[in-house]
Amino acid sequence: MMNFTFRAALLCTFSFFSVSGFLTVEAQPGEEVTLMCNNFTISPSNVFWYRLTSGANFSCVSSMSSSATNVLLCEGFHKDKFDMTSNITNLSLNIKTVDVSDSGLYFCGCCKEGFSALVSPTYLKVQEKSDENTNLMVVILGGLTLFLVMLVIGLMVKIRKLQKADGDKDPQPSQNLSSDDLNYATVTFAKRGGRREMEPTVVYAATR
């Protein structure tokens, strides 16, 4: 019955603060965060920290009966990361090396003689580190793409210049030449030696 009453009070409190607003603390992954609320207890009582996440999933973080007693961490929360302290004026919850899973609505409260009180809700928002990595990756890829485009353009220009230089040095003969482009050459044929003429032989004959 007490658990049901506490849950009902918790949901009503969350609905109230969702409308009226609450303190928001933003942190980067790996940072250390300390959440605080006023110590509203007059007489010794059981004080605690709770966390409410999306979907109305709430869980106990830590509790203690007085400032002189040891802190009791609830299931799933470890002392190397969470620590709770209490003095005359404040209750505090220290969270080391926060990550995205630590995001949620934190509040302190007390439970005495079946009565539950919730005060000082604080929303802890841990920024997702992947956003920064994504932006950095986009910048790197954009710069690499620009470099490759400039490299391809430079190679194309260089190849075009080399082709032009080779064309000027060794021009290819054209198949269709005009009459002005034709070179004429004189062909001289050697005369074959003629037959040697027979020298006339005179024969004299005496006639009687």
Protein backbone atom coordinates (compact mmCIF):
# COMPACT_ATOMS: atom_id res chain seq x y z
CA MET A 1 0.00 0.00 0.00
CA MET A 2 2.83 2.34 0.89
CA ASN A 3 4.59 1.59 -2.38
CA PHE A 4 1.41 2.34 -4.34
CA THR A 5 0.90 5.61 -2.46
CA PHE A 6 4.49 6.63 -3.13
CA ARG A 7 4.19 5.89 -6.83
CA ALA A 8 0.98 7.88 -7.08
CA ALA A 9 2.62 10.83 -5.33
CA LEU A 10 5.65 10.51 -7.59
CA LEU A 11 3.61 10.60 -10.79
CA CYS A 12 1.54 13.53 -9.55
CA THR A 13 4.70 15.41 -8.65
CA PHE A 14 6.23 14.74 -12.08
CA SER A 15 3.04 15.94 -13.80
CA PHE A 16 3.08 19.12 -11.73
CA PHE A 17 6.70 19.96 -12.46
CA SER A 18 6.27 19.09 -16.14
CA VAL A 19 3.82 21.97 -16.34
CA SER A 20 5.53 24.43 -14.00
CA GLY A 21 9.09 23.69 -15.13
CA PHE A 22 12.22 22.69 -13.24
CA LEU A 23 15.94 23.35 -13.11
CA THR A 24 17.97 21.88 -15.97
CA VAL A 25 21.63 20.96 -15.67
CA GLU A 26 23.54 20.17 -18.87
CA ALA A 27 26.77 18.19 -18.88
CA GLN A 28 29.18 16.59 -21.31
CA PRO A 29 30.05 12.89 -21.17
CA GLY A 30 32.86 12.25 -18.68
CA GLU A 31 32.17 15.30 -16.52
CA GLU A 32 31.34 15.30 -12.81
CA VAL A 33 28.00 16.72 -11.69
CA THR A 34 26.65 17.63 -8.24
CA LEU A 35 22.89 18.00 -7.77
CA MET A 36 21.62 19.80 -4.68
CA CYS A 37 18.39 20.48 -2.86
CA ASN A 38 17.48 22.18 0.39
CA ASN A 39 17.49 20.03 3.50
CA PHE A 40 13.83 20.27 4.39
CA THR A 41 13.90 17.72 7.21
CA ILE A 42 13.57 19.01 10.77
CA SER A 43 13.74 15.73 12.63
CA PRO A 44 15.77 12.64 11.64
CA SER A 45 14.05 10.84 8.81
CA ASN A 46 14.84 8.69 5.82
CA VAL A 47 15.98 10.95 2.96
CA PHE A 48 16.69 9.75 -0.52
CA TRP A 49 17.44 10.63 -4.13
CA TYR A 50 15.29 9.30 -6.94
CA ARG A 51 15.61 9.39 -10.70
CA LEU A 52 12.74 9.54 -13.15
CA THR A 53 13.44 8.79 -16.80
CA SER A 54 11.33 8.89 -19.94
CA GLY A 55 8.30 6.63 -19.88
CA ALA A 56 7.74 7.29 -16.15
CA ASN A 57 10.45 4.79 -15.22
CA PHE A 58 11.68 5.75 -11.78
CA SER A 59 14.33 4.21 -9.60
CA CYS A 60 15.89 4.80 -6.21
CA VAL A 61 19.44 6.15 -6.37
CA SER A 62 20.50 6.42 -2.72
CA SER A 63 19.16 6.93 0.78
CA MET A 64 20.32 7.72 4.30
CA SER A 65 18.57 8.11 7.65
CA SER A 66 20.70 11.03 8.91
CA SER A 67 23.87 12.93 8.11
CA ALA A 68 25.84 10.71 10.49
CA THR A 69 24.87 7.42 8.88
CA ASN A 70 26.35 5.68 5.91
CA VAL A 71 24.84 6.14 2.48
CA LEU A 72 22.86 3.22 1.11
CA LEU A 73 22.99 2.95 -2.66
CA CYS A 74 20.06 1.31 -4.38
CA GLU A 75 20.36 -1.59 -6.78
CA GLY A 76 22.15 -0.73 -10.01
CA PHE A 77 24.01 2.28 -8.55
CA HIS A 78 27.63 1.94 -7.44
CA LYS A 79 29.64 3.90 -4.90
CA ASP A 80 32.50 4.56 -7.31
CA LYS A 81 30.13 6.75 -9.33
CA PHE A 82 27.36 7.96 -6.98
CA ASP A 83 27.75 9.61 -3.59
CA MET A 84 25.20 11.29 -1.35
CA THR A 85 25.93 13.81 1.40
CA SER A 86 23.76 15.70 3.85
CA ASN A 87 24.27 18.66 6.15
CA ILE A 88 22.06 21.15 7.95
CA THR A 89 21.19 23.14 4.84
CA ASN A 90 21.59 20.90 1.79
CA LEU A 91 21.25 17.41 0.43
CA SER A 92 23.57 16.68 -2.48
CA LEU A 93 24.09 13.90 -4.98
CA ASN A 94 27.46 13.66 -6.70
CA ILE A 95 27.71 11.77 -10.00
CA LYS A 96 31.14 11.03 -11.46
CA THR A 97 31.92 10.43 -15.13
CA VAL A 98 28.39 10.99 -16.38
CA ASP A 99 27.13 9.47 -19.62
CA VAL A 100 23.92 9.59 -21.64
CA SER A 101 22.29 6.87 -19.52
CA ASP A 102 22.48 9.20 -16.49
CA SER A 103 20.06 11.68 -18.05
CA GLY A 104 16.76 12.05 -16.23
CA LEU A 105 14.81 13.97 -13.62
CA TYR A 106 16.46 13.80 -10.19
CA PHE A 107 14.79 14.91 -6.99
CA CYS A 108 15.30 14.45 -3.29
CA GLY A 109 12.63 13.51 -0.82
CA CYS A 110 11.86 12.02 2.55
CA CYS A 111 9.62 9.33 3.86
CA LYS A 112 8.40 9.49 7.44
CA GLU A 113 5.46 7.77 9.06
CA GLY A 114 4.00 6.81 5.70
CA PHE A 115 4.20 10.35 4.33
CA SER A 116 6.33 11.06 1.24
CA ALA A 117 7.60 14.46 0.17
CA LEU A 118 9.41 15.28 -3.05
CA VAL A 119 11.28 18.55 -3.56
CA SER A 120 13.78 20.33 -5.80
CA PRO A 121 13.45 18.42 -9.08
CA THR A 122 16.47 18.86 -11.34
CA TYR A 123 16.68 17.57 -14.89
CA LEU A 124 20.13 16.30 -15.83
CA LYS A 125 20.77 16.36 -19.56
CA VAL A 126 23.95 14.69 -20.74
CA GLN A 127 24.79 15.69 -24.29
CA GLU A 128 25.30 12.88 -26.77
CA LYS A 129 28.93 12.71 -27.81
CA SER A 130 27.99 11.15 -31.13
CA ASP A 131 26.66 14.52 -32.38
CA GLU A 132 30.10 16.10 -32.07
CA ASN A 133 31.75 13.12 -33.71
CA THR A 134 29.21 13.20 -36.53
CA ASN A 135 29.84 16.89 -37.21
CA LEU A 136 33.59 16.31 -37.19
CA MET A 137 33.21 13.40 -39.59
CA VAL A 138 31.10 15.52 -41.95
CA VAL A 139 33.77 18.24 -41.98
CA ILE A 140 36.54 15.71 -42.64
CA LEU A 141 34.62 14.00 -45.44
CA GLY A 142 33.73 17.36 -46.99
CA GLY A 143 37.36 18.47 -47.00
CA LEU A 144 38.50 15.14 -48.42
CA THR A 145 35.89 15.30 -51.19
CA LEU A 146 36.97 18.84 -52.14
CA PHE A 147 40.61 17.76 -52.23
CA LEU A 148 39.85 14.80 -54.50
CA VAL A 149 37.80 16.96 -56.87
CA MET A 150 40.63 19.50 -57.15
CA LEU A 151 43.13 16.68 -57.71
CA VAL A 152 41.06 15.17 -60.53
CA ILE A 153 40.65 18.57 -62.20
CA GLY A 154 44.39 19.21 -61.96
CA LEU A 155 45.21 15.84 -63.53
CA MET A 156 42.76 16.45 -66.37
CA VAL A 157 44.33 19.83 -67.15
CA LYS A 158 47.82 18.34 -67.08
CA ILE A 159 46.84 15.48 -69.40
CA ARG A 160 45.23 17.96 -71.81
CA LYS A 161 48.42 20.04 -71.94
CA LEU A 162 50.57 16.96 -72.60
CA GLN A 163 48.29 15.85 -75.42
CA LYS A 164 48.44 19.30 -77.00
CA ALA A 165 52.23 19.40 -76.76
CA ASP A 166 52.55 16.00 -78.44
CA GLY A 167 50.19 17.10 -81.20
CA ASP A 168 52.26 20.19 -81.96
CA LYS A 169 55.51 18.18 -82.03
CA ASP A 170 54.46 15.25 -84.25
CA PRO A 171 51.52 16.30 -86.39
CA GLN A 172 49.67 13.46 -88.04
CA PRO A 173 49.48 13.56 -91.88
CA SER A 174 46.11 14.40 -93.22
CA GLN A 175 44.43 12.00 -95.58
CA ASN A 176 42.80 14.76 -97.60
CA LEU A 177 45.50 17.12 -98.77
CA SER A 178 44.80 20.17 -100.84
CA SER A 179 46.72 21.00 -104.00
CA ASP A 180 48.70 23.63 -102.12
CA ASP A 181 49.99 21.06 -99.67
CA LEU A 182 51.38 18.73 -102.37
CA ASN A 183 55.14 18.69 -102.96
CA TYR A 184 56.29 18.08 -106.48
CA ALA A 185 59.53 16.24 -107.31
CA THR A 186 61.30 16.04 -110.63
CA VAL A 187 61.97 12.51 -111.75
CA THR A 188 64.92 12.09 -114.14
CA PHE A 189 65.16 8.96 -116.16
CA ALA A 190 68.62 7.96 -117.45
CA LYS A 191 68.77 7.27 -121.17
CA ARG A 192 69.91 3.88 -122.13
CA GLY A 193 72.93 3.81 -124.40
CA GLY A 194 71.99 3.38 -128.09
CA ARG A 195 73.48 0.88 -130.36
CA ARG A 196 76.76 1.89 -131.80
CA GLU A 197 76.37 2.84 -135.50
CA MET A 198 78.23 0.74 -137.96
CA GLU A 199 80.87 2.69 -139.77
CA PRO A 200 80.37 2.42 -143.50
CA THR A 201 82.87 0.28 -145.29
CA VAL A 202 83.63 1.29 -148.82
CA VAL A 203 84.52 -1.46 -151.16
CA TYR A 204 86.04 -0.48 -154.34
CA ALA A 205 85.83 -2.78 -157.26
CA ALA A 206 87.73 -2.41 -160.48
CA THR A 207 85.82 -2.87 -163.65
CA ARG A 208 87.49 -3.81 -166.70
